[in-house]
Every structure is written in structure tokens, then in C-alpha cells.
Amino acid sequence: MPAFRWLPLLSLVLLTSCATGADAEEDGVIKGRSDARADSGATEEDTASEEDTATPIENDTGSSVTDSGVADSATEDSRAEDTGSGTDTAPADTGPTSCAAEEPEPNDTPATARALGTIDDCDGSGKSIGGVLSTSSDVDVLTFDGTDSFGCSVNPTVKATGSVRVCIKAACKSGTTEVKSCPKGTKTGTECCGSEVEIEINCTGTTSDDAKITVTVRGDGSSLMCAGYSLAYHY
């Protein structure tokens, strides 16, 4: 076949190839742009997701700080309450109140009584003594020995000054003790009690009225705190 007959056919083939390539190139560009847009959208969406995630995290962190502050405050309140409770607690009782001029304790029973010595039954031999009751429930016990001397009369007597009352009791050194009466004060069993008391005794079975006198000092019922008193006594 002559060469000039191929020229139209070759031109047609070349035009078809160019058109196909241009379409492919255009499809590639469009597809690339579409993919880029898709990627950009995904990136924006991911960024938005990250932003959304960041906001709750910040909120959660804020809540944690707030909760921590409340917990710390509650702890401080609890500590303050414990301290206050510790402050409201009362001190332990350490025993009887110690008062100035108080005689040595204990002296609350005849076995631990304060010994005042010996006097005879002549009234001029009488003495005075002072003491202190630390509280209304405090008790002081004192003793003295009385000697029956010739020419004097046995009449054991105690007079108290202060917010106290006394009871006196006699025990003969020999024979049997007989309490005949209480010329002063009130007879209570074998004792005479009051603010001024006198006891009348007789030591039967013996010629001597020597006796040991026990004096018990108590409050008069009023409220006492380191209450001083004095006793004048004779045998």
C-alpha cells in the first residue's frame, strides 16, 4: 500500500491517544484533588477530635483539683476537730487539793491521826491547834492523851472555830469506858458531836480516869475549799 494512505490512519491513532492521555491525566488530577481534600477533611476531623478530647481532659483535671481541695479541707477540718476535742477533754483528778498550812496527809482515820501529845485534866493545861480542810469531803483526825491529876476534874472538851463540826470519843487507858453523857453537843453512839462538845466519862474497874481522846473534824455541810479552822481543847 502506498505511504500516503497510512497518514490519515496514523493521525487518527495519535489524536485518540492524546485524548485518552488527557482524560487520564485530568482524572488523575481530579482524583488527586479529591484524595487531598479527603485527607484534609480527615485531618481536620482528627484535629477536631483531638480538641474535643482535650476539653474533657481539662475539665477532668479541674474536677480533680477541686476534689483534692475539698479532701484537703475536710482533712484540715477533721484535724481541727480532733485538736478541739483534745482541748475540750477535762484533766484527770490527781487526788486531794493541796492547801497552804495543811497538816501532813493522810490523817483521815484514828490509825493515821495527828498526835497532839499529853495534857492533864487541869483546865489551865488546855491548848489550841489549827488545821485546814482541803474540801468539803476532807476529814482530819487528831488525838491527845489525858491524865487524871489530883485536885482537877476530868471533863474532855473541844471548841471549834470555822466552818467545821467535831466529834470526840474517849477510850480509858485501864478499866472499861463508860460514856455517861454529853453536857455539850449531841450524843451519837459513843461520841459527842457539834461545834463545841464535852464528853462525861467514867473508867469503871479502876481508880484512874486516864484516857485517850480522839477528835474528828468534818465540814459543817457548806462548800469548802482550803478552809481553815482552829480547835481549843482541854482534858
C-alpha atoms as a PDB file:
ATOM      1  CA  MET A   1       0.000   0.000   0.000  1.00  0.00           C
ATOM      2  CA  PRO A   2       1.310   3.445  -0.826  1.00  0.00           C
ATOM      3  CA  ALA A   3       2.626   5.510   2.200  1.00  0.00           C
ATOM      4  CA  PHE A   4       0.280   8.427   1.747  1.00  0.00           C
ATOM      5  CA  ARG A   5      -2.656   6.158   2.546  1.00  0.00           C
ATOM      6  CA  TRP A   6      -1.296   5.481   6.084  1.00  0.00           C
ATOM      7  CA  LEU A   7      -1.079   9.101   7.073  1.00  0.00           C
ATOM      8  CA  PRO A   8      -4.780   9.708   7.820  1.00  0.00           C
ATOM      9  CA  LEU A   9      -4.973   6.493   9.825  1.00  0.00           C
ATOM     10  CA  LEU A  10      -1.836   7.368  11.835  1.00  0.00           C
ATOM     11  CA  SER A  11      -3.162  10.847  12.584  1.00  0.00           C
ATOM     12  CA  LEU A  12      -6.411   9.359  13.853  1.00  0.00           C
ATOM     13  CA  VAL A  13      -4.500   6.974  16.150  1.00  0.00           C
ATOM     14  CA  LEU A  14      -2.364   9.802  17.538  1.00  0.00           C
ATOM     15  CA  LEU A  15      -5.381  12.019  18.233  1.00  0.00           C
ATOM     16  CA  THR A  16      -7.120   9.155  20.011  1.00  0.00           C
ATOM     17  CA  SER A  17      -4.066   8.512  22.198  1.00  0.00           C
ATOM     18  CA  CYS A  18      -3.708  12.187  23.125  1.00  0.00           C
ATOM     19  CA  ALA A  19      -7.340  12.419  24.064  1.00  0.00           C
ATOM     20  CA  THR A  20      -7.100   9.279  26.177  1.00  0.00           C
ATOM     21  CA  GLY A  21      -3.957  10.540  27.925  1.00  0.00           C
ATOM     22  CA  ALA A  22      -5.513  13.935  28.599  1.00  0.00           C
ATOM     23  CA  ASP A  23      -8.603  12.290  30.077  1.00  0.00           C
ATOM     24  CA  ALA A  24      -6.448  10.049  32.228  1.00  0.00           C
ATOM     25  CA  GLU A  25      -4.340  12.985  33.324  1.00  0.00           C
ATOM     26  CA  GLU A  26      -7.452  15.012  34.119  1.00  0.00           C
ATOM     27  CA  ASP A  27      -8.940  12.062  36.022  1.00  0.00           C
ATOM     28  CA  GLY A  28      -5.673  11.746  37.928  1.00  0.00           C
ATOM     29  CA  VAL A  29      -5.676  15.422  38.860  1.00  0.00           C
ATOM     30  CA  ILE A  30      -9.300  15.292  39.891  1.00  0.00           C
ATOM     31  CA  LYS A  31      -8.692  12.108  41.851  1.00  0.00           C
ATOM     32  CA  GLY A  32      -5.599  13.606  43.493  1.00  0.00           C
ATOM     33  CA  ARG A  33      -7.510  16.697  44.474  1.00  0.00           C
ATOM     34  CA  SER A  34     -10.319  14.562  45.801  1.00  0.00           C
ATOM     35  CA  ASP A  35      -7.891  12.448  47.820  1.00  0.00           C
ATOM     36  CA  ALA A  36      -6.170  15.576  49.121  1.00  0.00           C
ATOM     37  CA  ARG A  37      -9.495  17.026  50.126  1.00  0.00           C
ATOM     38  CA  ALA A  38     -10.432  13.739  51.758  1.00  0.00           C
ATOM     39  CA  ASP A  39      -7.116  13.663  53.619  1.00  0.00           C
ATOM     40  CA  SER A  40      -7.546  17.283  54.633  1.00  0.00           C
ATOM     41  CA  GLY A  41     -11.032  16.553  55.890  1.00  0.00           C
ATOM     42  CA  ALA A  42      -9.786  13.567  57.846  1.00  0.00           C
ATOM     43  CA  THR A  43      -7.004  15.686  59.297  1.00  0.00           C
ATOM     44  CA  GLU A  44      -9.458  18.420  60.260  1.00  0.00           C
ATOM     45  CA  GLU A  45     -11.761  15.812  61.718  1.00  0.00           C
ATOM     46  CA  ASP A  46      -8.872  14.276  63.655  1.00  0.00           C
ATOM     47  CA  THR A  47      -7.868  17.721  64.861  1.00  0.00           C
ATOM     48  CA  ALA A  48     -11.418  18.396  65.964  1.00  0.00           C
ATOM     49  CA  SER A  49     -11.471  15.064  67.713  1.00  0.00           C
ATOM     50  CA  GLU A  50      -8.249  15.924  69.498  1.00  0.00           C
ATOM     51  CA  GLU A  51      -9.665  19.302  70.503  1.00  0.00           C
ATOM     52  CA  ASP A  52     -12.829  17.638  71.778  1.00  0.00           C
ATOM     53  CA  THR A  53     -10.742  15.161  73.732  1.00  0.00           C
ATOM     54  CA  ALA A  54      -8.578  17.936  75.214  1.00  0.00           C
ATOM     55  CA  THR A  55     -11.585  19.775  76.615  1.00  0.00           C
ATOM     56  CA  PRO A  56     -12.901  16.858  78.733  1.00  0.00           C
ATOM     57  CA  ILE A  57      -9.356  16.165  79.918  1.00  0.00           C
ATOM     58  CA  GLU A  58      -9.014  19.762  81.099  1.00  0.00           C
ATOM     59  CA  ASN A  59     -12.425  19.536  82.765  1.00  0.00           C
ATOM     60  CA  ASP A  60     -11.496  16.270  84.438  1.00  0.00           C
ATOM     61  CA  THR A  61      -8.235  17.795  85.648  1.00  0.00           C
ATOM     62  CA  GLY A  62     -10.134  20.769  87.055  1.00  0.00           C
ATOM     63  CA  SER A  63     -12.523  18.424  88.819  1.00  0.00           C
ATOM     64  CA  SER A  64      -9.612  16.525  90.295  1.00  0.00           C
ATOM     65  CA  VAL A  65      -8.102  19.725  91.645  1.00  0.00           C
ATOM     66  CA  THR A  66     -11.433  20.735  93.117  1.00  0.00           C
ATOM     67  CA  ASP A  67     -11.975  17.306  94.663  1.00  0.00           C
ATOM     68  CA  SER A  68      -8.453  17.345  96.075  1.00  0.00           C
ATOM     69  CA  GLY A  69      -9.072  20.747  97.612  1.00  0.00           C
ATOM     70  CA  VAL A  70     -12.264  19.506  99.235  1.00  0.00           C
ATOM     71  CA  ALA A  71     -10.500  16.435 100.577  1.00  0.00           C
ATOM     72  CA  ASP A  72      -7.665  18.524 101.982  1.00  0.00           C
ATOM     73  CA  SER A  73     -10.157  20.916 103.542  1.00  0.00           C
ATOM     74  CA  ALA A  74     -12.066  18.030 105.085  1.00  0.00           C
ATOM     75  CA  THR A  75      -8.807  16.653 106.473  1.00  0.00           C
ATOM     76  CA  GLU A  76      -7.940  20.024 107.966  1.00  0.00           C
ATOM     77  CA  ASP A  77     -11.429  20.261 109.482  1.00  0.00           C
ATOM     78  CA  SER A  78     -11.018  16.772 110.923  1.00  0.00           C
ATOM     79  CA  ARG A  79      -7.646  17.675 112.415  1.00  0.00           C
ATOM     80  CA  ALA A  80      -9.056  20.866 113.861  1.00  0.00           C
ATOM     81  CA  GLU A  81     -11.929  18.923 115.365  1.00  0.00           C
ATOM     82  CA  ASP A  82      -9.540  16.395 116.915  1.00  0.00           C
ATOM     83  CA  THR A  83      -7.483  19.223 118.388  1.00  0.00           C
ATOM     84  CA  GLY A  84     -10.605  20.875 119.669  1.00  0.00           C
ATOM     85  CA  SER A  85     -11.782  17.570 121.068  1.00  0.00           C
ATOM     86  CA  GLY A  86      -8.406  17.126 122.682  1.00  0.00           C
ATOM     87  CA  THR A  87      -8.816  20.777 124.101  1.00  0.00           C
ATOM     88  CA  ASP A  88     -12.377  20.007 125.411  1.00  0.00           C
ATOM     89  CA  THR A  89     -11.222  16.943 127.268  1.00  0.00           C
ATOM     90  CA  ALA A  90     -11.112  17.559 131.179  1.00  0.00           C
ATOM     91  CA  PRO A  91      -7.842  16.968 133.224  1.00  0.00           C
ATOM     92  CA  ALA A  92      -7.517  13.821 135.349  1.00  0.00           C
ATOM     93  CA  ASP A  93      -8.075  14.034 139.086  1.00  0.00           C
ATOM     94  CA  THR A  94      -4.708  13.807 140.833  1.00  0.00           C
ATOM     95  CA  GLY A  95      -6.026  13.492 144.396  1.00  0.00           C
ATOM     96  CA  PRO A  96      -6.909  15.814 147.273  1.00  0.00           C
ATOM     97  CA  THR A  97      -6.319  19.514 146.863  1.00  0.00           C
ATOM     98  CA  SER A  98      -3.051  20.681 148.427  1.00  0.00           C
ATOM     99  CA  CYS A  99      -3.558  23.742 150.637  1.00  0.00           C
ATOM    100  CA  ALA A 100      -1.133  26.027 152.412  1.00  0.00           C
ATOM    101  CA  ALA A 101      -0.705  25.330 156.160  1.00  0.00           C
ATOM    102  CA  GLU A 102      -2.423  21.954 155.838  1.00  0.00           C
ATOM    103  CA  GLU A 103      -1.121  19.265 158.149  1.00  0.00           C
ATOM    104  CA  PRO A 104       0.533  16.214 156.575  1.00  0.00           C
ATOM    105  CA  GLU A 105      -1.829  13.713 154.943  1.00  0.00           C
ATOM    106  CA  PRO A 106      -3.175  11.155 155.381  1.00  0.00           C
ATOM    107  CA  ASN A 107      -4.782  11.895 158.724  1.00  0.00           C
ATOM    108  CA  ASP A 108      -8.312  10.710 157.997  1.00  0.00           C
ATOM    109  CA  THR A 109      -8.518   7.732 160.378  1.00  0.00           C
ATOM    110  CA  PRO A 110      -7.568   7.009 164.004  1.00  0.00           C
ATOM    111  CA  ALA A 111      -4.693   4.858 162.734  1.00  0.00           C
ATOM    112  CA  THR A 112      -3.203   7.831 160.821  1.00  0.00           C
ATOM    113  CA  ALA A 113      -4.328  10.537 163.279  1.00  0.00           C
ATOM    114  CA  ARG A 114      -2.251  13.563 164.151  1.00  0.00           C
ATOM    115  CA  ALA A 115      -0.929  13.145 167.714  1.00  0.00           C
ATOM    116  CA  LEU A 116      -1.185  16.290 169.874  1.00  0.00           C
ATOM    117  CA  GLY A 117       0.670  14.962 172.934  1.00  0.00           C
ATOM    118  CA  THR A 118      -0.361  14.675 176.594  1.00  0.00           C
ATOM    119  CA  ILE A 119      -2.172  17.111 178.914  1.00  0.00           C
ATOM    120  CA  ASP A 120      -3.692  16.710 182.377  1.00  0.00           C
ATOM    121  CA  ASP A 121      -7.241  17.436 183.491  1.00  0.00           C
ATOM    122  CA  CYS A 122      -6.468  20.829 184.936  1.00  0.00           C
ATOM    123  CA  ASP A 123      -8.146  23.371 182.646  1.00  0.00           C
ATOM    124  CA  GLY A 124      -5.042  25.564 182.553  1.00  0.00           C
ATOM    125  CA  SER A 125      -3.271  22.775 180.686  1.00  0.00           C
ATOM    126  CA  GLY A 126      -5.575  23.235 177.707  1.00  0.00           C
ATOM    127  CA  LYS A 127      -4.151  24.023 174.251  1.00  0.00           C
ATOM    128  CA  SER A 128      -5.178  25.283 170.821  1.00  0.00           C
ATOM    129  CA  ILE A 129      -4.406  23.856 167.408  1.00  0.00           C
ATOM    130  CA  GLY A 130      -5.156  24.934 163.835  1.00  0.00           C
ATOM    131  CA  GLY A 131      -5.881  22.908 160.719  1.00  0.00           C
ATOM    132  CA  VAL A 132      -7.219  23.005 157.163  1.00  0.00           C
ATOM    133  CA  LEU A 133      -9.911  21.029 155.361  1.00  0.00           C
ATOM    134  CA  SER A 134      -8.962  20.903 151.703  1.00  0.00           C
ATOM    135  CA  THR A 135     -12.513  20.137 150.504  1.00  0.00           C
ATOM    136  CA  SER A 136     -15.987  19.526 151.908  1.00  0.00           C
ATOM    137  CA  SER A 137     -15.284  15.779 151.969  1.00  0.00           C
ATOM    138  CA  ASP A 138     -11.922  16.061 153.726  1.00  0.00           C
ATOM    139  CA  VAL A 139     -11.661  14.683 157.274  1.00  0.00           C
ATOM    140  CA  ASP A 140      -8.996  15.396 159.905  1.00  0.00           C
ATOM    141  CA  VAL A 141      -8.467  13.121 162.895  1.00  0.00           C
ATOM    142  CA  LEU A 142      -6.411  14.209 165.922  1.00  0.00           C
ATOM    143  CA  THR A 143      -5.687  12.538 169.260  1.00  0.00           C
ATOM    144  CA  PHE A 144      -4.361  13.566 172.671  1.00  0.00           C
ATOM    145  CA  ASP A 145      -3.739  11.733 175.919  1.00  0.00           C
ATOM    146  CA  GLY A 146      -5.483  12.977 179.072  1.00  0.00           C
ATOM    147  CA  THR A 147      -4.064  12.384 182.553  1.00  0.00           C
ATOM    148  CA  ASP A 148      -6.279  12.397 185.639  1.00  0.00           C
ATOM    149  CA  SER A 149      -4.418  14.599 188.134  1.00  0.00           C
ATOM    150  CA  PHE A 150      -5.257  15.041 191.802  1.00  0.00           C
ATOM    151  CA  GLY A 151      -7.363  18.098 192.532  1.00  0.00           C
ATOM    152  CA  CYS A 152      -8.670  18.597 188.945  1.00  0.00           C
ATOM    153  CA  SER A 153     -11.780  17.364 187.205  1.00  0.00           C
ATOM    154  CA  VAL A 154     -11.947  15.212 184.090  1.00  0.00           C
ATOM    155  CA  ASN A 155     -14.241  16.806 181.509  1.00  0.00           C
ATOM    156  CA  PRO A 156     -12.750  16.446 177.968  1.00  0.00           C
ATOM    157  CA  THR A 157     -13.901  19.451 175.918  1.00  0.00           C
ATOM    158  CA  VAL A 158     -13.264  20.743 172.363  1.00  0.00           C
ATOM    159  CA  LYS A 159     -14.470  24.023 170.897  1.00  0.00           C
ATOM    160  CA  ALA A 160     -14.162  24.538 167.113  1.00  0.00           C
ATOM    161  CA  THR A 161     -13.936  27.788 165.198  1.00  0.00           C
ATOM    162  CA  GLY A 162     -14.598  27.791 161.430  1.00  0.00           C
ATOM    163  CA  SER A 163     -16.974  26.002 159.060  1.00  0.00           C
ATOM    164  CA  VAL A 164     -16.489  22.662 160.795  1.00  0.00           C
ATOM    165  CA  ARG A 165     -18.052  20.381 163.382  1.00  0.00           C
ATOM    166  CA  VAL A 166     -16.218  17.989 165.678  1.00  0.00           C
ATOM    167  CA  CYS A 167     -16.870  14.703 167.386  1.00  0.00           C
ATOM    168  CA  ILE A 168     -14.904  13.497 170.416  1.00  0.00           C
ATOM    169  CA  LYS A 169     -14.559   9.969 171.692  1.00  0.00           C
ATOM    170  CA  ALA A 170     -12.805   8.661 174.831  1.00  0.00           C
ATOM    171  CA  ALA A 171     -11.075   5.345 175.467  1.00  0.00           C
ATOM    172  CA  CYS A 172      -9.921   4.650 179.055  1.00  0.00           C
ATOM    173  CA  LYS A 173      -6.314   3.523 179.452  1.00  0.00           C
ATOM    174  CA  SER A 174      -7.481   0.948 182.025  1.00  0.00           C
ATOM    175  CA  GLY A 175     -10.833  -0.430 183.072  1.00  0.00           C
ATOM    176  CA  THR A 176     -13.979  -0.069 180.955  1.00  0.00           C
ATOM    177  CA  THR A 177     -15.016   3.157 179.247  1.00  0.00           C
ATOM    178  CA  GLU A 178     -18.449   4.394 180.165  1.00  0.00           C
ATOM    179  CA  VAL A 179     -19.902   7.409 178.322  1.00  0.00           C
ATOM    180  CA  LYS A 180     -22.310   8.923 180.794  1.00  0.00           C
ATOM    181  CA  SER A 181     -23.496  11.986 178.851  1.00  0.00           C
ATOM    182  CA  CYS A 182     -22.688  14.867 176.504  1.00  0.00           C
ATOM    183  CA  PRO A 183     -23.005  18.074 178.570  1.00  0.00           C
ATOM    184  CA  LYS A 184     -22.250  19.958 175.337  1.00  0.00           C
ATOM    185  CA  GLY A 185     -23.074  18.744 171.855  1.00  0.00           C
ATOM    186  CA  THR A 186     -25.148  15.784 170.714  1.00  0.00           C
ATOM    187  CA  LYS A 187     -24.528  12.197 171.774  1.00  0.00           C
ATOM    188  CA  THR A 188     -24.040   9.936 168.760  1.00  0.00           C
ATOM    189  CA  GLY A 189     -23.290   6.397 169.841  1.00  0.00           C
ATOM    190  CA  THR A 190     -20.135   6.681 171.956  1.00  0.00           C
ATOM    191  CA  GLU A 191     -19.286  10.162 170.632  1.00  0.00           C
ATOM    192  CA  CYS A 192     -20.355  13.730 171.378  1.00  0.00           C
ATOM    193  CA  CYS A 193     -20.644  15.952 168.262  1.00  0.00           C
ATOM    194  CA  GLY A 194     -21.171  19.642 167.498  1.00  0.00           C
ATOM    195  CA  SER A 195     -19.256  22.912 167.149  1.00  0.00           C
ATOM    196  CA  GLU A 196     -18.473  22.838 170.918  1.00  0.00           C
ATOM    197  CA  VAL A 197     -18.567  19.454 172.625  1.00  0.00           C
ATOM    198  CA  GLU A 198     -17.919  17.959 176.076  1.00  0.00           C
ATOM    199  CA  ILE A 199     -17.964  14.290 176.971  1.00  0.00           C
ATOM    200  CA  GLU A 200     -18.557  12.870 180.505  1.00  0.00           C
ATOM    201  CA  ILE A 201     -16.807   9.549 181.052  1.00  0.00           C
ATOM    202  CA  ASN A 202     -16.123   7.063 183.806  1.00  0.00           C
ATOM    203  CA  CYS A 203     -13.407   4.428 183.690  1.00  0.00           C
ATOM    204  CA  THR A 204     -15.035   1.596 185.653  1.00  0.00           C
ATOM    205  CA  GLY A 205     -12.987  -1.054 187.445  1.00  0.00           C
ATOM    206  CA  THR A 206     -10.082   1.327 188.108  1.00  0.00           C
ATOM    207  CA  THR A 207      -9.247   4.370 190.203  1.00  0.00           C
ATOM    208  CA  SER A 208      -7.692   6.291 187.288  1.00  0.00           C
ATOM    209  CA  ASP A 209      -9.609   8.130 184.608  1.00  0.00           C
ATOM    210  CA  ASP A 210      -6.641   8.434 182.261  1.00  0.00           C
ATOM    211  CA  ALA A 211      -7.951   8.218 178.687  1.00  0.00           C
ATOM    212  CA  LYS A 212      -7.083   8.693 175.037  1.00  0.00           C
ATOM    213  CA  ILE A 213      -9.290  11.286 173.328  1.00  0.00           C
ATOM    214  CA  THR A 214      -9.935  11.129 169.581  1.00  0.00           C
ATOM    215  CA  VAL A 215     -11.163  14.279 167.823  1.00  0.00           C
ATOM    216  CA  THR A 216     -12.678  14.036 164.339  1.00  0.00           C
ATOM    217  CA  VAL A 217     -13.087  17.259 162.304  1.00  0.00           C
ATOM    218  CA  ARG A 218     -15.509  17.418 159.359  1.00  0.00           C
ATOM    219  CA  GLY A 219     -17.085  20.160 157.288  1.00  0.00           C
ATOM    220  CA  ASP A 220     -20.335  21.664 158.510  1.00  0.00           C
ATOM    221  CA  GLY A 221     -22.145  20.886 155.264  1.00  0.00           C
ATOM    222  CA  SER A 222     -21.205  24.044 153.393  1.00  0.00           C
ATOM    223  CA  SER A 223     -18.968  24.081 150.329  1.00  0.00           C
ATOM    224  CA  LEU A 224     -15.343  24.168 151.471  1.00  0.00           C
ATOM    225  CA  MET A 225     -12.059  24.707 149.689  1.00  0.00           C
ATOM    226  CA  CYS A 226      -8.886  25.013 151.772  1.00  0.00           C
ATOM    227  CA  ALA A 227     -10.998  26.021 154.776  1.00  0.00           C
ATOM    228  CA  GLY A 228      -9.005  26.829 157.905  1.00  0.00           C
ATOM    229  CA  TYR A 229     -10.231  26.070 161.403  1.00  0.00           C
ATOM    230  CA  SER A 230      -8.964  26.119 164.978  1.00  0.00           C
ATOM    231  CA  LEU A 231      -9.619  23.906 167.998  1.00  0.00           C
ATOM    232  CA  ALA A 232      -9.379  24.794 171.661  1.00  0.00           C
ATOM    233  CA  TYR A 233      -9.284  21.719 173.856  1.00  0.00           C
ATOM    234  CA  HIS A 234      -8.602  20.521 177.388  1.00  0.00           C
ATOM    235  CA  TYR A 235      -8.975  17.329 179.415  1.00  0.00           C
END
